């Protein structure tokens, strides 16, 4: 099963590393990353494989959100199907 992680907020050193560390801690494999800096705003979308995640997906998503809160970033993790449904025109 795949999921999408989005990260938006003020740019700072180590954002990608911190999000990737949370993924690695829970055996979530990063498949693809797209990121850009828009003036001083960091924007990232990660496609991840959560099929071997060692905790429930809802707990993983909540952990990502809490990390975002600590870093003053918006971090959201959602199943790929939900993401695709939300962004289908």
C-alpha atoms as a PDB file:
ATOM      1  CA  UNK A   1       0.000   0.000   0.000  1.00  0.00           C
ATOM      2  CA  UNK A   2       1.259   3.471  -0.838  1.00  0.00           C
ATOM      3  CA  UNK A   3       0.675   6.814   0.827  1.00  0.00           C
ATOM      4  CA  UNK A   4       1.392  10.473   0.173  1.00  0.00           C
ATOM      5  CA  UNK A   5       3.134  12.723   2.683  1.00  0.00           C
ATOM      6  CA  UNK A   6       2.910  16.466   2.095  1.00  0.00           C
ATOM      7  CA  UNK A   7       5.026  19.029   3.904  1.00  0.00           C
ATOM      8  CA  UNK A   8       4.595  22.812   3.683  1.00  0.00           C
ATOM      9  CA  UNK A   9       6.141  25.541   5.796  1.00  0.00           C
ATOM     10  CA  UNK A  10       8.986  27.961   6.306  1.00  0.00           C
ATOM     11  CA  UNK A  11      12.223  26.548   4.924  1.00  0.00           C
ATOM     12  CA  UNK A  12      14.871  25.379   7.383  1.00  0.00           C
ATOM     13  CA  UNK A  13      17.770  22.937   7.411  1.00  0.00           C
ATOM     14  CA  UNK A  14      16.906  19.250   7.871  1.00  0.00           C
ATOM     15  CA  UNK A  15      13.220  19.003   6.964  1.00  0.00           C
ATOM     16  CA  UNK A  16      13.707  16.178   4.475  1.00  0.00           C
ATOM     17  CA  UNK A  17      16.046  14.377   6.890  1.00  0.00           C
ATOM     18  CA  UNK A  18      13.589  14.594   9.792  1.00  0.00           C
ATOM     19  CA  UNK A  19      10.610  13.348   7.784  1.00  0.00           C
ATOM     20  CA  UNK A  20      12.715  10.566   6.235  1.00  0.00           C
ATOM     21  CA  UNK A  21      13.920   9.543   9.701  1.00  0.00           C
ATOM     22  CA  UNK A  22      10.334   9.070  10.910  1.00  0.00           C
ATOM     23  CA  UNK A  23       9.664   6.934   7.824  1.00  0.00           C
ATOM     24  CA  UNK A  24      12.765   4.802   8.434  1.00  0.00           C
ATOM     25  CA  UNK A  25      11.905   4.346  12.133  1.00  0.00           C
ATOM     26  CA  UNK A  26       8.620   2.720  11.110  1.00  0.00           C
ATOM     27  CA  UNK A  27       9.890   0.739   8.099  1.00  0.00           C
ATOM     28  CA  UNK A  28       8.153   3.059   5.625  1.00  0.00           C
ATOM     29  CA  UNK A  29      10.040   3.129   2.325  1.00  0.00           C
ATOM     30  CA  UNK A  30      10.369   6.442   0.469  1.00  0.00           C
ATOM     31  CA  UNK A  31       9.672   5.761  -3.215  1.00  0.00           C
ATOM     32  CA  UNK A  32       9.743   9.232  -4.701  1.00  0.00           C
ATOM     33  CA  UNK A  33      10.242  12.817  -3.509  1.00  0.00           C
ATOM     34  CA  UNK A  34       9.400  16.125  -5.137  1.00  0.00           C
ATOM     35  CA  UNK A  35      10.352  19.300  -3.326  1.00  0.00           C
ATOM     36  CA  UNK A  36      10.814  22.950  -4.069  1.00  0.00           C
ATOM     37  CA  UNK A  37      11.533  26.171  -2.266  1.00  0.00           C
ATOM     38  CA  UNK A  38       9.166  29.019  -3.126  1.00  0.00           C
ATOM     39  CA  UNK A  39      10.898  32.131  -1.785  1.00  0.00           C
ATOM     40  CA  UNK A  40      11.230  31.060   1.876  1.00  0.00           C
ATOM     41  CA  UNK A  41       8.512  28.366   1.801  1.00  0.00           C
ATOM     42  CA  UNK A  42       9.417  24.670   1.671  1.00  0.00           C
ATOM     43  CA  UNK A  43       7.010  22.426  -0.256  1.00  0.00           C
ATOM     44  CA  UNK A  44       7.441  18.637  -0.520  1.00  0.00           C
ATOM     45  CA  UNK A  45       5.418  15.666  -1.667  1.00  0.00           C
ATOM     46  CA  UNK A  46       6.649  12.150  -0.848  1.00  0.00           C
ATOM     47  CA  UNK A  47       5.284   8.908  -2.247  1.00  0.00           C
ATOM     48  CA  UNK A  48       5.925   6.169   0.311  1.00  0.00           C
ATOM     49  CA  UNK A  49       5.281   2.441   0.651  1.00  0.00           C
ATOM     50  CA  UNK A  50       3.570   1.745   3.981  1.00  0.00           C
ATOM     51  CA  UNK A  51       2.927  -1.960   3.413  1.00  0.00           C
ATOM     52  CA  UNK A  52       5.651  -2.911   5.937  1.00  0.00           C
ATOM     53  CA  UNK A  53       4.949  -0.121   8.425  1.00  0.00           C
ATOM     54  CA  UNK A  54       5.355  -1.446  11.977  1.00  0.00           C
ATOM     55  CA  UNK A  55       2.443   0.588  13.381  1.00  0.00           C
ATOM     56  CA  UNK A  56      -1.117   1.318  12.233  1.00  0.00           C
ATOM     57  CA  UNK A  57      -1.239   3.859   9.419  1.00  0.00           C
ATOM     58  CA  UNK A  58      -3.388   6.228  11.495  1.00  0.00           C
ATOM     59  CA  UNK A  59      -0.707   6.235  14.226  1.00  0.00           C
ATOM     60  CA  UNK A  60       1.999   6.866  11.611  1.00  0.00           C
ATOM     61  CA  UNK A  61       0.000   9.759  10.132  1.00  0.00           C
ATOM     62  CA  UNK A  62      -0.558  11.226  13.607  1.00  0.00           C
ATOM     63  CA  UNK A  63       3.180  10.960  14.337  1.00  0.00           C
ATOM     64  CA  UNK A  64       3.920  12.849  11.118  1.00  0.00           C
ATOM     65  CA  UNK A  65       1.411  15.546  12.058  1.00  0.00           C
ATOM     66  CA  UNK A  66       2.922  15.902  15.547  1.00  0.00           C
ATOM     67  CA  UNK A  67       6.428  16.226  14.080  1.00  0.00           C
ATOM     68  CA  UNK A  68       5.069  18.941  11.820  1.00  0.00           C
ATOM     69  CA  UNK A  69       3.605  20.755  14.816  1.00  0.00           C
ATOM     70  CA  UNK A  70       6.988  20.615  16.584  1.00  0.00           C
ATOM     71  CA  UNK A  71       8.724  22.028  13.487  1.00  0.00           C
ATOM     72  CA  UNK A  72       5.964  24.589  12.755  1.00  0.00           C
ATOM     73  CA  UNK A  73       5.183  22.831   9.457  1.00  0.00           C
ATOM     74  CA  UNK A  74       2.036  21.379   7.956  1.00  0.00           C
ATOM     75  CA  UNK A  75       2.729  17.635   7.568  1.00  0.00           C
ATOM     76  CA  UNK A  76      -0.035  15.336   6.335  1.00  0.00           C
ATOM     77  CA  UNK A  77       0.082  11.638   5.492  1.00  0.00           C
ATOM     78  CA  UNK A  78      -2.803  10.020   3.633  1.00  0.00           C
ATOM     79  CA  UNK A  79      -3.459   6.833   1.711  1.00  0.00           C
ATOM     80  CA  UNK A  80      -2.739   7.213  -2.002  1.00  0.00           C
ATOM     81  CA  UNK A  81      -6.360   6.405  -2.915  1.00  0.00           C
ATOM     82  CA  UNK A  82      -7.686   9.221  -0.731  1.00  0.00           C
ATOM     83  CA  UNK A  83      -5.114  11.647  -2.122  1.00  0.00           C
ATOM     84  CA  UNK A  84      -6.036  10.697  -5.706  1.00  0.00           C
ATOM     85  CA  UNK A  85      -9.757  11.053  -4.985  1.00  0.00           C
ATOM     86  CA  UNK A  86      -9.263  14.486  -3.450  1.00  0.00           C
ATOM     87  CA  UNK A  87      -7.246  15.733  -6.423  1.00  0.00           C
ATOM     88  CA  UNK A  88      -9.273  14.255  -9.271  1.00  0.00           C
ATOM     89  CA  UNK A  89     -11.001  16.813 -11.477  1.00  0.00           C
END
